[in-house]
Amino acid sequence: MSAGSSSLVRGRLAPSPTGFLHLGNAWAFLLAWWAARSAGGQVVLRLEDIDPQRSRPEYAAAILEDLRWLGLDWDEGPLPETGGEGAQFAERGPCGPYVQSRCTAFYTEALRRLEALGCLYPCFCTRKELRALAGAPHIDDAGAPYPGTCRRLTPAERAARQRAGHRACLRVHGPDGVMAFDDQLRGPQRLRLEDCGGDFAVQRSDGVVAYQLAVAVDDGRMGINQVVRGRDILPSTPRQIALLRLLGYTIPTYAHVPLLCDADGERLAKRHASLALRSLRAEGVAPERIVGLLAWLAGVNPSRRPLRPVEALRHFHLDALPGDDIRLDAAMLDSLRRAAPNP
């Protein structure tokens, strides 16, 4: 299946099982679910467990459980009924596997195709050398621009480093010029790969496939044509577009939504343990109260009443979202807990 094979909207939820879901995750996944379902489209769930050091099966099982508890469903992906610590998830759908750790063959084939195109090269730069670049200008999570040091190595120099036992990651020298796309929320975007970190890694020196390649390959082969995600991922989009083009896939539409932050303006993360869905659930907070608050923040629940995700569908539109990140203040959190029973 390719992204351009149907006019049917195919959105996706793509959690990483490196911790428990929190309110910020719930916000992003609700928006992606609403965007696809409000267009009569399908939702694909993909577990992005490509990082073996951080991913845990118990987190994967918890994610599926929490999404269902919140009221979200999906047409394709892992089946929550078969989850559990150490479990191998069963899946449904024609575009599997939907768990990235099972997709090595797809990523290996993509690397082979990139190698045939002549746009891959080994990079022997150490982490210390890359950290030395950290003072260079960069945007968001793109990191310091990579200056192409190892791209200029001769074949003899590369061979010498390999004989000396130096391990290399693989970087892609992407196409020059502007990667232009229309963000459904932020309007026209014109970014060069140089603006987003330059030549980027597609395989780590330990052989693990890098995030950019895994996401591009999976979006392409699963026919994903609508990507709704946090605005912090925006610097990754030109890199993924470059890979999708090189690999012959159609480019999805993108919408980069504002982030949910704490009262100090810090993006919600795993360190906000009290805002994990599991913690709120243990306090007796009903999922309808969470959805009602997040729908209010999304501009589709003016009465701020508790509701299920499906109840907000007919009111949802990306245009209703604020442009700036949203801070959760104490009053908002109190409103969640107000009706919860005392533990």
C-alpha atoms as a PDB file:
ATOM      1  CA  MET A   1       0.000   0.000   0.000  1.00  0.00           C
ATOM      2  CA  SER A   2       1.222   3.541  -0.705  1.00  0.00           C
ATOM      3  CA  ALA A   3       0.093   6.855   0.704  1.00  0.00           C
ATOM      4  CA  GLY A   4      -1.371   7.893  -2.618  1.00  0.00           C
ATOM      5  CA  SER A   5      -3.349   4.693  -3.281  1.00  0.00           C
ATOM      6  CA  SER A   6      -6.640   5.968  -1.825  1.00  0.00           C
ATOM      7  CA  SER A   7      -8.441   9.202  -1.063  1.00  0.00           C
ATOM      8  CA  LEU A   8      -9.411   7.712   2.303  1.00  0.00           C
ATOM      9  CA  VAL A   9      -7.685   9.523   5.144  1.00  0.00           C
ATOM     10  CA  ARG A  10      -5.246   7.273   7.013  1.00  0.00           C
ATOM     11  CA  GLY A  11      -3.932   8.834  10.184  1.00  0.00           C
ATOM     12  CA  ARG A  12      -1.760   7.227  12.802  1.00  0.00           C
ATOM     13  CA  LEU A  13      -0.974   7.061  16.485  1.00  0.00           C
ATOM     14  CA  ALA A  14       2.702   6.282  17.018  1.00  0.00           C
ATOM     15  CA  PRO A  15       3.600   6.014  20.712  1.00  0.00           C
ATOM     16  CA  SER A  16       7.043   4.968  21.904  1.00  0.00           C
ATOM     17  CA  PRO A  17       6.936   2.405  24.749  1.00  0.00           C
ATOM     18  CA  THR A  18       9.639   4.113  26.799  1.00  0.00           C
ATOM     19  CA  GLY A  19       7.349   5.158  29.667  1.00  0.00           C
ATOM     20  CA  PHE A  20       3.734   5.603  30.679  1.00  0.00           C
ATOM     21  CA  LEU A  21       1.437   7.931  28.750  1.00  0.00           C
ATOM     22  CA  HIS A  22       0.849  11.363  30.287  1.00  0.00           C
ATOM     23  CA  LEU A  23      -1.559  14.193  29.579  1.00  0.00           C
ATOM     24  CA  GLY A  24       0.707  15.588  26.864  1.00  0.00           C
ATOM     25  CA  ASN A  25       0.583  12.270  25.027  1.00  0.00           C
ATOM     26  CA  ALA A  26      -3.183  12.100  25.483  1.00  0.00           C
ATOM     27  CA  TRP A  27      -3.483  15.591  23.963  1.00  0.00           C
ATOM     28  CA  ALA A  28      -1.430  14.700  20.875  1.00  0.00           C
ATOM     29  CA  PHE A  29      -3.134  11.342  20.321  1.00  0.00           C
ATOM     30  CA  LEU A  30      -6.621  12.763  20.760  1.00  0.00           C
ATOM     31  CA  LEU A  31      -5.904  15.452  18.171  1.00  0.00           C
ATOM     32  CA  ALA A  32      -4.543  12.875  15.700  1.00  0.00           C
ATOM     33  CA  TRP A  33      -7.542  10.599  16.318  1.00  0.00           C
ATOM     34  CA  TRP A  34     -10.034  13.445  15.954  1.00  0.00           C
ATOM     35  CA  ALA A  35      -8.359  14.665  12.738  1.00  0.00           C
ATOM     36  CA  ALA A  36      -8.653  11.247  11.090  1.00  0.00           C
ATOM     37  CA  ARG A  37     -12.060  10.241  12.419  1.00  0.00           C
ATOM     38  CA  SER A  38     -13.674  13.636  11.720  1.00  0.00           C
ATOM     39  CA  ALA A  39     -12.727  13.132   8.061  1.00  0.00           C
ATOM     40  CA  GLY A  40     -14.267   9.653   8.037  1.00  0.00           C
ATOM     41  CA  GLY A  41     -10.791   8.160   7.939  1.00  0.00           C
ATOM     42  CA  GLN A  42      -8.925   5.243   9.432  1.00  0.00           C
ATOM     43  CA  VAL A  43      -6.551   5.196  12.381  1.00  0.00           C
ATOM     44  CA  VAL A  44      -3.415   3.041  12.405  1.00  0.00           C
ATOM     45  CA  LEU A  45      -1.611   2.328  15.668  1.00  0.00           C
ATOM     46  CA  ARG A  46       2.131   1.743  15.479  1.00  0.00           C
ATOM     47  CA  LEU A  47       4.413   0.989  18.420  1.00  0.00           C
ATOM     48  CA  GLU A  48       7.729   2.755  17.828  1.00  0.00           C
ATOM     49  CA  ASP A  49       9.964   0.522  19.926  1.00  0.00           C
ATOM     50  CA  ILE A  50      12.990   0.834  17.673  1.00  0.00           C
ATOM     51  CA  ASP A  51      15.280   1.823  20.585  1.00  0.00           C
ATOM     52  CA  PRO A  52      16.136  -1.445  22.377  1.00  0.00           C
ATOM     53  CA  GLN A  53      17.763   0.304  25.346  1.00  0.00           C
ATOM     54  CA  ARG A  54      14.676   2.334  26.303  1.00  0.00           C
ATOM     55  CA  SER A  55      11.657   0.367  25.068  1.00  0.00           C
ATOM     56  CA  ARG A  56       9.920  -2.029  27.440  1.00  0.00           C
ATOM     57  CA  PRO A  57       7.096  -4.523  26.741  1.00  0.00           C
ATOM     58  CA  GLU A  58       5.336  -3.539  29.976  1.00  0.00           C
ATOM     59  CA  TYR A  59       5.126   0.056  28.713  1.00  0.00           C
ATOM     60  CA  ALA A  60       3.764  -1.155  25.380  1.00  0.00           C
ATOM     61  CA  ALA A  61       1.019  -3.114  27.129  1.00  0.00           C
ATOM     62  CA  ALA A  62       0.214  -0.112  29.344  1.00  0.00           C
ATOM     63  CA  ILE A  63      -0.019   2.205  26.336  1.00  0.00           C
ATOM     64  CA  LEU A  64      -2.606   0.023  24.604  1.00  0.00           C
ATOM     65  CA  GLU A  65      -4.602  -0.226  27.819  1.00  0.00           C
ATOM     66  CA  ASP A  66      -4.461   3.526  28.482  1.00  0.00           C
ATOM     67  CA  LEU A  67      -5.512   4.438  24.940  1.00  0.00           C
ATOM     68  CA  ARG A  68      -8.516   2.154  25.172  1.00  0.00           C
ATOM     69  CA  TRP A  69      -9.360   3.516  28.635  1.00  0.00           C
ATOM     70  CA  LEU A  70      -9.237   7.036  27.223  1.00  0.00           C
ATOM     71  CA  GLY A  71     -11.770   6.029  24.559  1.00  0.00           C
ATOM     72  CA  LEU A  72      -9.563   5.776  21.478  1.00  0.00           C
ATOM     73  CA  ASP A  73      -9.741   2.920  18.994  1.00  0.00           C
ATOM     74  CA  TRP A  74      -7.814   1.960  15.870  1.00  0.00           C
ATOM     75  CA  ASP A  75      -8.498   0.033  12.686  1.00  0.00           C
ATOM     76  CA  GLU A  76      -5.073  -1.548  12.318  1.00  0.00           C
ATOM     77  CA  GLY A  77      -2.256  -2.316  14.695  1.00  0.00           C
ATOM     78  CA  PRO A  78      -1.456  -4.335  17.825  1.00  0.00           C
ATOM     79  CA  LEU A  79      -4.358  -5.964  19.622  1.00  0.00           C
ATOM     80  CA  PRO A  80      -4.580  -4.869  23.252  1.00  0.00           C
ATOM     81  CA  GLU A  81      -6.244  -8.087  24.370  1.00  0.00           C
ATOM     82  CA  THR A  82      -2.996 -10.016  23.872  1.00  0.00           C
ATOM     83  CA  GLY A  83      -0.666  -7.596  25.623  1.00  0.00           C
ATOM     84  CA  GLY A  84       1.127  -7.959  28.920  1.00  0.00           C
ATOM     85  CA  GLU A  85       4.618  -7.891  30.308  1.00  0.00           C
ATOM     86  CA  GLY A  86       6.890  -9.810  27.974  1.00  0.00           C
ATOM     87  CA  ALA A  87       4.028 -10.522  25.583  1.00  0.00           C
ATOM     88  CA  GLN A  88       4.273 -10.725  21.825  1.00  0.00           C
ATOM     89  CA  PHE A  89       1.400  -8.655  20.504  1.00  0.00           C
ATOM     90  CA  ALA A  90      -0.955 -10.067  17.923  1.00  0.00           C
ATOM     91  CA  GLU A  91      -1.826  -7.602  15.178  1.00  0.00           C
ATOM     92  CA  ARG A  92      -4.575  -6.925  12.678  1.00  0.00           C
ATOM     93  CA  GLY A  93      -4.323  -5.189   9.314  1.00  0.00           C
ATOM     94  CA  PRO A  94      -2.732  -5.630   5.869  1.00  0.00           C
ATOM     95  CA  CYS A  95       0.306  -3.380   6.475  1.00  0.00           C
ATOM     96  CA  GLY A  96       2.006  -5.081   9.389  1.00  0.00           C
ATOM     97  CA  PRO A  97       4.135  -5.506  11.262  1.00  0.00           C
ATOM     98  CA  TYR A  98       2.878  -2.575  13.345  1.00  0.00           C
ATOM     99  CA  VAL A  99       5.616  -2.969  15.960  1.00  0.00           C
ATOM    100  CA  GLN A 100       8.887  -1.469  14.748  1.00  0.00           C
ATOM    101  CA  SER A 101      11.124  -4.061  16.367  1.00  0.00           C
ATOM    102  CA  ARG A 102       9.574  -6.567  13.939  1.00  0.00           C
ATOM    103  CA  CYS A 103      10.276  -4.455  10.855  1.00  0.00           C
ATOM    104  CA  THR A 104      14.024  -4.999  10.383  1.00  0.00           C
ATOM    105  CA  ALA A 105      13.585  -6.453   6.894  1.00  0.00           C
ATOM    106  CA  PHE A 106      11.775  -3.325   5.668  1.00  0.00           C
ATOM    107  CA  TYR A 107      14.455  -1.028   7.065  1.00  0.00           C
ATOM    108  CA  THR A 108      17.283  -3.153   5.646  1.00  0.00           C
ATOM    109  CA  GLU A 109      15.690  -3.004   2.203  1.00  0.00           C
ATOM    110  CA  ALA A 110      15.296   0.792   2.476  1.00  0.00           C
ATOM    111  CA  LEU A 111      18.983   1.130   3.362  1.00  0.00           C
ATOM    112  CA  ARG A 112      19.873  -1.025   0.368  1.00  0.00           C
ATOM    113  CA  ARG A 113      17.839   1.240  -1.903  1.00  0.00           C
ATOM    114  CA  LEU A 114      19.454   4.373  -0.472  1.00  0.00           C
ATOM    115  CA  GLU A 115      22.874   2.787  -0.934  1.00  0.00           C
ATOM    116  CA  ALA A 116      22.024   2.063  -4.576  1.00  0.00           C
ATOM    117  CA  LEU A 117      21.083   5.711  -5.026  1.00  0.00           C
ATOM    118  CA  GLY A 118      24.542   6.722  -3.805  1.00  0.00           C
ATOM    119  CA  CYS A 119      23.311   8.954  -0.999  1.00  0.00           C
ATOM    120  CA  LEU A 120      24.607   6.980   2.025  1.00  0.00           C
ATOM    121  CA  TYR A 121      28.031   7.257   3.600  1.00  0.00           C
ATOM    122  CA  PRO A 122      29.647   5.977   6.817  1.00  0.00           C
ATOM    123  CA  CYS A 123      30.272   8.547   9.533  1.00  0.00           C
ATOM    124  CA  PHE A 124      33.039   7.819  12.036  1.00  0.00           C
ATOM    125  CA  CYS A 125      32.560  10.954  14.152  1.00  0.00           C
ATOM    126  CA  THR A 126      32.474  10.135  17.857  1.00  0.00           C
ATOM    127  CA  ARG A 127      29.907  11.406  20.317  1.00  0.00           C
ATOM    128  CA  LYS A 128      32.571  13.677  21.796  1.00  0.00           C
ATOM    129  CA  GLU A 129      33.211  15.206  18.390  1.00  0.00           C
ATOM    130  CA  LEU A 130      29.495  15.669  17.797  1.00  0.00           C
ATOM    131  CA  ARG A 131      29.061  17.267  21.227  1.00  0.00           C
ATOM    132  CA  ALA A 132      31.763  19.751  20.267  1.00  0.00           C
ATOM    133  CA  LEU A 133      29.359  21.000  17.602  1.00  0.00           C
ATOM    134  CA  ALA A 134      26.666  21.722  20.169  1.00  0.00           C
ATOM    135  CA  GLY A 135      27.587  25.403  20.324  1.00  0.00           C
ATOM    136  CA  ALA A 136      26.640  25.832  16.672  1.00  0.00           C
ATOM    137  CA  PRO A 137      23.245  27.324  15.854  1.00  0.00           C
ATOM    138  CA  HIS A 138      20.410  24.809  15.707  1.00  0.00           C
ATOM    139  CA  ILE A 139      16.637  24.720  15.900  1.00  0.00           C
ATOM    140  CA  ASP A 140      14.583  22.726  18.391  1.00  0.00           C
ATOM    141  CA  ASP A 141      15.607  19.055  18.463  1.00  0.00           C
ATOM    142  CA  ALA A 142      17.530  19.045  15.207  1.00  0.00           C
ATOM    143  CA  GLY A 143      20.868  19.318  16.967  1.00  0.00           C
ATOM    144  CA  ALA A 144      23.957  21.099  15.750  1.00  0.00           C
ATOM    145  CA  PRO A 145      24.278  21.089  11.961  1.00  0.00           C
ATOM    146  CA  TYR A 146      26.524  18.263  10.833  1.00  0.00           C
ATOM    147  CA  PRO A 147      29.226  19.786   8.601  1.00  0.00           C
ATOM    148  CA  GLY A 148      29.619  16.747   6.348  1.00  0.00           C
ATOM    149  CA  THR A 149      33.061  15.830   7.717  1.00  0.00           C
ATOM    150  CA  CYS A 150      32.940  12.130   6.862  1.00  0.00           C
ATOM    151  CA  ARG A 151      31.183  12.722   3.550  1.00  0.00           C
ATOM    152  CA  ARG A 152      34.485  14.133   2.298  1.00  0.00           C
ATOM    153  CA  LEU A 153      36.562  11.088   3.285  1.00  0.00           C
ATOM    154  CA  THR A 154      38.179   9.168   0.436  1.00  0.00           C
ATOM    155  CA  PRO A 155      37.506   5.416   0.080  1.00  0.00           C
ATOM    156  CA  ALA A 156      41.032   4.768   1.362  1.00  0.00           C
ATOM    157  CA  GLU A 157      40.425   6.906   4.463  1.00  0.00           C
ATOM    158  CA  ARG A 158      37.167   5.108   5.183  1.00  0.00           C
ATOM    159  CA  ALA A 159      38.852   1.728   4.806  1.00  0.00           C
ATOM    160  CA  ALA A 160      41.650   2.781   7.169  1.00  0.00           C
ATOM    161  CA  ARG A 161      39.161   3.796   9.865  1.00  0.00           C
ATOM    162  CA  GLN A 162      37.318   0.508   9.484  1.00  0.00           C
ATOM    163  CA  ARG A 163      40.562  -1.491   9.765  1.00  0.00           C
ATOM    164  CA  ALA A 164      41.371   0.462  12.921  1.00  0.00           C
ATOM    165  CA  GLY A 165      38.127  -0.756  14.465  1.00  0.00           C
ATOM    166  CA  HIS A 166      36.199   2.511  14.328  1.00  0.00           C
ATOM    167  CA  ARG A 167      32.460   1.913  14.149  1.00  0.00           C
ATOM    168  CA  ALA A 168      30.415   4.071  11.825  1.00  0.00           C
ATOM    169  CA  CYS A 169      26.840   5.175  11.674  1.00  0.00           C
ATOM    170  CA  LEU A 170      25.247   5.699   8.273  1.00  0.00           C
ATOM    171  CA  ARG A 171      24.273   9.192   7.201  1.00  0.00           C
ATOM    172  CA  VAL A 172      22.232  10.235   4.222  1.00  0.00           C
ATOM    173  CA  HIS A 173      23.320  13.094   2.019  1.00  0.00           C
ATOM    174  CA  GLY A 174      19.878  14.287   1.091  1.00  0.00           C
ATOM    175  CA  PRO A 175      18.819  16.421  -1.848  1.00  0.00           C
ATOM    176  CA  ASP A 176      19.811  20.064  -1.887  1.00  0.00           C
ATOM    177  CA  GLY A 177      17.255  22.820  -2.017  1.00  0.00           C
ATOM    178  CA  VAL A 178      14.106  23.632  -0.104  1.00  0.00           C
ATOM    179  CA  MET A 179      11.723  21.061   1.331  1.00  0.00           C
ATOM    180  CA  ALA A 180       8.432  22.888   0.957  1.00  0.00           C
ATOM    181  CA  PHE A 181       5.156  21.669   2.422  1.00  0.00           C
ATOM    182  CA  ASP A 182       1.925  23.197   3.664  1.00  0.00           C
ATOM    183  CA  ASP A 183       1.374  22.558   7.328  1.00  0.00           C
ATOM    184  CA  GLN A 184      -2.369  22.280   7.953  1.00  0.00           C
ATOM    185  CA  LEU A 185      -2.033  24.331  11.111  1.00  0.00           C
ATOM    186  CA  ARG A 186       1.070  26.483  10.572  1.00  0.00           C
ATOM    187  CA  GLY A 187       0.796  27.244   6.883  1.00  0.00           C
ATOM    188  CA  PRO A 188       3.517  27.076   4.198  1.00  0.00           C
ATOM    189  CA  GLN A 189       6.892  25.790   5.391  1.00  0.00           C
ATOM    190  CA  ARG A 190      10.141  26.141   3.476  1.00  0.00           C
ATOM    191  CA  LEU A 191      13.105  24.444   5.134  1.00  0.00           C
ATOM    192  CA  ARG A 192      16.384  23.113   3.826  1.00  0.00           C
ATOM    193  CA  LEU A 193      17.969  20.013   5.294  1.00  0.00           C
ATOM    194  CA  GLU A 194      20.799  22.282   6.378  1.00  0.00           C
ATOM    195  CA  ASP A 195      18.285  24.166   8.533  1.00  0.00           C
ATOM    196  CA  CYS A 196      17.367  20.890  10.246  1.00  0.00           C
ATOM    197  CA  GLY A 197      20.782  19.461  11.054  1.00  0.00           C
ATOM    198  CA  GLY A 198      22.228  18.735   7.624  1.00  0.00           C
ATOM    199  CA  ASP A 199      23.202  15.160   6.744  1.00  0.00           C
ATOM    200  CA  PHE A 200      21.358  12.977   9.244  1.00  0.00           C
ATOM    201  CA  ALA A 201      21.840   9.453  10.541  1.00  0.00           C
ATOM    202  CA  VAL A 202      19.648   6.624   9.279  1.00  0.00           C
ATOM    203  CA  GLN A 203      21.459   3.864  11.157  1.00  0.00           C
ATOM    204  CA  ARG A 204      23.387   4.111  14.418  1.00  0.00           C
ATOM    205  CA  SER A 205      26.904   2.771  14.821  1.00  0.00           C
ATOM    206  CA  ASP A 206      25.497  -0.169  16.834  1.00  0.00           C
ATOM    207  CA  GLY A 207      23.315  -1.171  13.881  1.00  0.00           C
ATOM    208  CA  VAL A 208      20.018   0.144  15.269  1.00  0.00           C
ATOM    209  CA  VAL A 209      17.948   1.937  12.642  1.00  0.00           C
ATOM    210  CA  ALA A 210      17.502   5.634  13.366  1.00  0.00           C
ATOM    211  CA  TYR A 211      14.139   7.258  14.068  1.00  0.00           C
ATOM    212  CA  GLN A 212      13.955   9.222  10.805  1.00  0.00           C
ATOM    213  CA  LEU A 213      14.295   6.167   8.568  1.00  0.00           C
ATOM    214  CA  ALA A 214      11.944   3.964  10.588  1.00  0.00           C
ATOM    215  CA  VAL A 215       9.203   6.603  10.624  1.00  0.00           C
ATOM    216  CA  ALA A 216       9.518   7.437   6.927  1.00  0.00           C
ATOM    217  CA  VAL A 217       9.516   3.784   5.864  1.00  0.00           C
ATOM    218  CA  ASP A 218       6.564   2.903   8.074  1.00  0.00           C
ATOM    219  CA  ASP A 219       4.496   5.936   7.064  1.00  0.00           C
ATOM    220  CA  GLY A 220       5.174   5.104   3.432  1.00  0.00           C
ATOM    221  CA  ARG A 221       4.518   1.372   3.492  1.00  0.00           C
ATOM    222  CA  MET A 222       1.441   1.729   5.731  1.00  0.00           C
ATOM    223  CA  GLY A 223      -0.155   4.274   3.424  1.00  0.00           C
ATOM    224  CA  ILE A 224      -0.272   7.007   6.068  1.00  0.00           C
ATOM    225  CA  ASN A 225      -1.429  10.195   4.362  1.00  0.00           C
ATOM    226  CA  GLN A 226      -2.226  12.361   7.397  1.00  0.00           C
ATOM    227  CA  VAL A 227       0.327  13.029  10.142  1.00  0.00           C
ATOM    228  CA  VAL A 228      -0.798  15.046  13.165  1.00  0.00           C
ATOM    229  CA  ARG A 229       1.880  15.450  15.845  1.00  0.00           C
ATOM    230  CA  GLY A 230       3.556  17.941  18.173  1.00  0.00           C
ATOM    231  CA  ARG A 231       5.207  21.049  16.817  1.00  0.00           C
ATOM    232  CA  ASP A 232       8.492  19.883  18.415  1.00  0.00           C
ATOM    233  CA  ILE A 233       8.732  17.266  15.631  1.00  0.00           C
ATOM    234  CA  LEU A 234       8.612  19.920  12.895  1.00  0.00           C
ATOM    235  CA  PRO A 235      12.413  19.856  12.288  1.00  0.00           C
ATOM    236  CA  SER A 236      12.115  16.131  11.500  1.00  0.00           C
ATOM    237  CA  THR A 237       9.564  16.673   8.745  1.00  0.00           C
ATOM    238  CA  PRO A 238      11.947  17.860   5.986  1.00  0.00           C
ATOM    239  CA  ARG A 239      14.208  14.889   6.707  1.00  0.00           C
ATOM    240  CA  GLN A 240      11.320  12.455   6.511  1.00  0.00           C
ATOM    241  CA  ILE A 241      10.025  14.101   3.336  1.00  0.00           C
ATOM    242  CA  ALA A 242      13.489  13.715   1.805  1.00  0.00           C
ATOM    243  CA  LEU A 243      13.521  10.004   2.650  1.00  0.00           C
ATOM    244  CA  LEU A 244       9.976   9.462   1.405  1.00  0.00           C
ATOM    245  CA  ARG A 245      10.903  11.041  -1.930  1.00  0.00           C
ATOM    246  CA  LEU A 246      14.132   9.057  -2.252  1.00  0.00           C
ATOM    247  CA  LEU A 247      12.254   5.832  -1.518  1.00  0.00           C
ATOM    248  CA  GLY A 248       9.426   6.608  -3.917  1.00  0.00           C
ATOM    249  CA  TYR A 249       6.596   7.149  -1.437  1.00  0.00           C
ATOM    250  CA  THR A 250       3.900   9.815  -1.595  1.00  0.00           C
ATOM    251  CA  ILE A 251       4.197  12.623   0.964  1.00  0.00           C
ATOM    252  CA  PRO A 252       1.494  12.795   3.682  1.00  0.00           C
ATOM    253  CA  THR A 253      -0.146  15.994   4.819  1.00  0.00           C
ATOM    254  CA  TYR A 254       1.253  17.335   8.085  1.00  0.00           C
ATOM    255  CA  ALA A 255      -0.171  19.276  11.005  1.00  0.00           C
ATOM    256  CA  HIS A 256       2.151  20.202  13.859  1.00  0.00           C
ATOM    257  CA  VAL A 257       0.034  20.999  16.881  1.00  0.00           C
ATOM    258  CA  PRO A 258       0.885  23.097  19.958  1.00  0.00           C
ATOM    259  CA  LEU A 259       2.369  21.300  22.944  1.00  0.00           C
ATOM    260  CA  LEU A 260       0.807  20.821  26.337  1.00  0.00           C
ATOM    261  CA  CYS A 261       3.076  22.307  29.011  1.00  0.00           C
ATOM    262  CA  ASP A 262       3.163  22.591  32.778  1.00  0.00           C
ATOM    263  CA  ALA A 263       2.556  25.829  34.664  1.00  0.00           C
ATOM    264  CA  ASP A 264       6.200  26.861  34.106  1.00  0.00           C
ATOM    265  CA  GLY A 265       5.977  26.382  30.346  1.00  0.00           C
ATOM    266  CA  GLU A 266       7.961  23.128  30.297  1.00  0.00           C
ATOM    267  CA  ARG A 267       6.718  20.498  27.854  1.00  0.00           C
ATOM    268  CA  LEU A 268       4.978  17.639  29.644  1.00  0.00           C
ATOM    269  CA  ALA A 269       7.232  14.605  29.814  1.00  0.00           C
ATOM    270  CA  LYS A 270       7.726  11.403  31.751  1.00  0.00           C
ATOM    271  CA  ARG A 271       9.129  13.372  34.677  1.00  0.00           C
ATOM    272  CA  HIS A 272       5.586  14.666  35.287  1.00  0.00           C
ATOM    273  CA  ALA A 273       4.665  11.350  36.898  1.00  0.00           C
ATOM    274  CA  SER A 274       1.587  12.744  38.660  1.00  0.00           C
ATOM    275  CA  LEU A 275       0.123  13.604  35.247  1.00  0.00           C
ATOM    276  CA  ALA A 276       0.535  10.100  33.861  1.00  0.00           C
ATOM    277  CA  LEU A 277      -2.801   8.656  32.804  1.00  0.00           C
ATOM    278  CA  ARG A 278      -2.186   5.719  35.137  1.00  0.00           C
ATOM    279  CA  SER A 279      -1.648   8.065  38.088  1.00  0.00           C
ATOM    280  CA  LEU A 280      -4.781  10.070  37.347  1.00  0.00           C
ATOM    281  CA  ARG A 281      -6.736   6.881  36.913  1.00  0.00           C
ATOM    282  CA  ALA A 282      -5.485   5.609  40.283  1.00  0.00           C
ATOM    283  CA  GLU A 283      -6.766   8.839  41.837  1.00  0.00           C
ATOM    284  CA  GLY A 284     -10.213   8.072  40.468  1.00  0.00           C
ATOM    285  CA  VAL A 285     -10.180  10.617  37.633  1.00  0.00           C
ATOM    286  CA  ALA A 286     -12.635   9.523  34.937  1.00  0.00           C
ATOM    287  CA  PRO A 287     -11.398   9.436  31.317  1.00  0.00           C
ATOM    288  CA  GLU A 288     -14.364  11.611  30.281  1.00  0.00           C
ATOM    289  CA  ARG A 289     -13.056  14.426  32.485  1.00  0.00           C
ATOM    290  CA  ILE A 290      -9.639  14.225  30.812  1.00  0.00           C
ATOM    291  CA  VAL A 291     -11.160  14.201  27.336  1.00  0.00           C
ATOM    292  CA  GLY A 292     -13.522  17.036  28.270  1.00  0.00           C
ATOM    293  CA  LEU A 293     -10.662  19.242  29.455  1.00  0.00           C
ATOM    294  CA  LEU A 294      -8.498  18.490  26.417  1.00  0.00           C
ATOM    295  CA  ALA A 295     -11.440  19.053  24.064  1.00  0.00           C
ATOM    296  CA  TRP A 296     -12.012  22.426  25.748  1.00  0.00           C
ATOM    297  CA  LEU A 297      -8.344  23.310  25.189  1.00  0.00           C
ATOM    298  CA  ALA A 298      -8.790  22.249  21.546  1.00  0.00           C
ATOM    299  CA  GLY A 299     -11.708  24.656  21.156  1.00  0.00           C
ATOM    300  CA  VAL A 300     -14.392  21.997  20.638  1.00  0.00           C
ATOM    301  CA  ASN A 301     -15.996  21.785  24.095  1.00  0.00           C
ATOM    302  CA  PRO A 302     -17.054  25.279  25.176  1.00  0.00           C
ATOM    303  CA  SER A 303     -19.061  24.008  28.151  1.00  0.00           C
ATOM    304  CA  ARG A 304     -16.016  22.069  29.383  1.00  0.00           C
ATOM    305  CA  ARG A 305     -18.249  19.125  30.233  1.00  0.00           C
ATOM    306  CA  PRO A 306     -16.907  15.585  30.544  1.00  0.00           C
ATOM    307  CA  LEU A 307     -17.290  13.661  27.308  1.00  0.00           C
ATOM    308  CA  ARG A 308     -16.032  10.713  25.289  1.00  0.00           C
ATOM    309  CA  PRO A 309     -13.750  11.306  22.266  1.00  0.00           C
ATOM    310  CA  VAL A 310     -16.475  10.364  19.790  1.00  0.00           C
ATOM    311  CA  GLU A 311     -18.764  13.100  21.162  1.00  0.00           C
ATOM    312  CA  ALA A 312     -16.375  15.843  20.002  1.00  0.00           C
ATOM    313  CA  LEU A 313     -15.977  14.565  16.449  1.00  0.00           C
ATOM    314  CA  ARG A 314     -18.603  16.695  14.746  1.00  0.00           C
ATOM    315  CA  HIS A 315     -17.157  19.870  16.297  1.00  0.00           C
ATOM    316  CA  PHE A 316     -13.482  19.172  15.693  1.00  0.00           C
ATOM    317  CA  HIS A 317     -11.398  21.156  13.241  1.00  0.00           C
ATOM    318  CA  LEU A 318      -7.676  21.827  13.244  1.00  0.00           C
ATOM    319  CA  ASP A 319      -8.361  25.524  12.660  1.00  0.00           C
ATOM    320  CA  ALA A 320      -9.856  25.748  16.142  1.00  0.00           C
ATOM    321  CA  LEU A 321      -6.521  24.918  17.785  1.00  0.00           C
ATOM    322  CA  PRO A 322      -4.446  27.721  19.320  1.00  0.00           C
ATOM    323  CA  GLY A 323      -1.158  28.529  17.638  1.00  0.00           C
ATOM    324  CA  ASP A 324       0.886  28.711  20.844  1.00  0.00           C
ATOM    325  CA  ASP A 325       1.745  26.023  23.362  1.00  0.00           C
ATOM    326  CA  ILE A 326      -0.787  25.586  26.164  1.00  0.00           C
ATOM    327  CA  ARG A 327       0.023  25.759  29.864  1.00  0.00           C
ATOM    328  CA  LEU A 328      -1.840  23.574  32.315  1.00  0.00           C
ATOM    329  CA  ASP A 329      -2.368  25.671  35.430  1.00  0.00           C
ATOM    330  CA  ALA A 330      -3.383  24.489  38.885  1.00  0.00           C
ATOM    331  CA  ALA A 331      -7.034  25.362  38.303  1.00  0.00           C
ATOM    332  CA  MET A 332      -7.198  23.128  35.230  1.00  0.00           C
ATOM    333  CA  LEU A 333      -5.684  20.204  37.091  1.00  0.00           C
ATOM    334  CA  ASP A 334      -7.982  20.790  40.060  1.00  0.00           C
ATOM    335  CA  SER A 335     -10.938  20.606  37.690  1.00  0.00           C
ATOM    336  CA  LEU A 336      -9.823  17.116  36.679  1.00  0.00           C
ATOM    337  CA  ARG A 337      -9.553  15.879  40.237  1.00  0.00           C
ATOM    338  CA  ARG A 338     -12.550  17.695  41.687  1.00  0.00           C
ATOM    339  CA  ALA A 339     -15.027  14.910  41.006  1.00  0.00           C
ATOM    340  CA  ALA A 340     -12.648  12.066  41.771  1.00  0.00           C
ATOM    341  CA  PRO A 341     -13.409  10.028  44.908  1.00  0.00           C
ATOM    342  CA  ASN A 342     -11.016  10.247  47.800  1.00  0.00           C
ATOM    343  CA  PRO A 343      -8.430   7.475  47.603  1.00  0.00           C
END
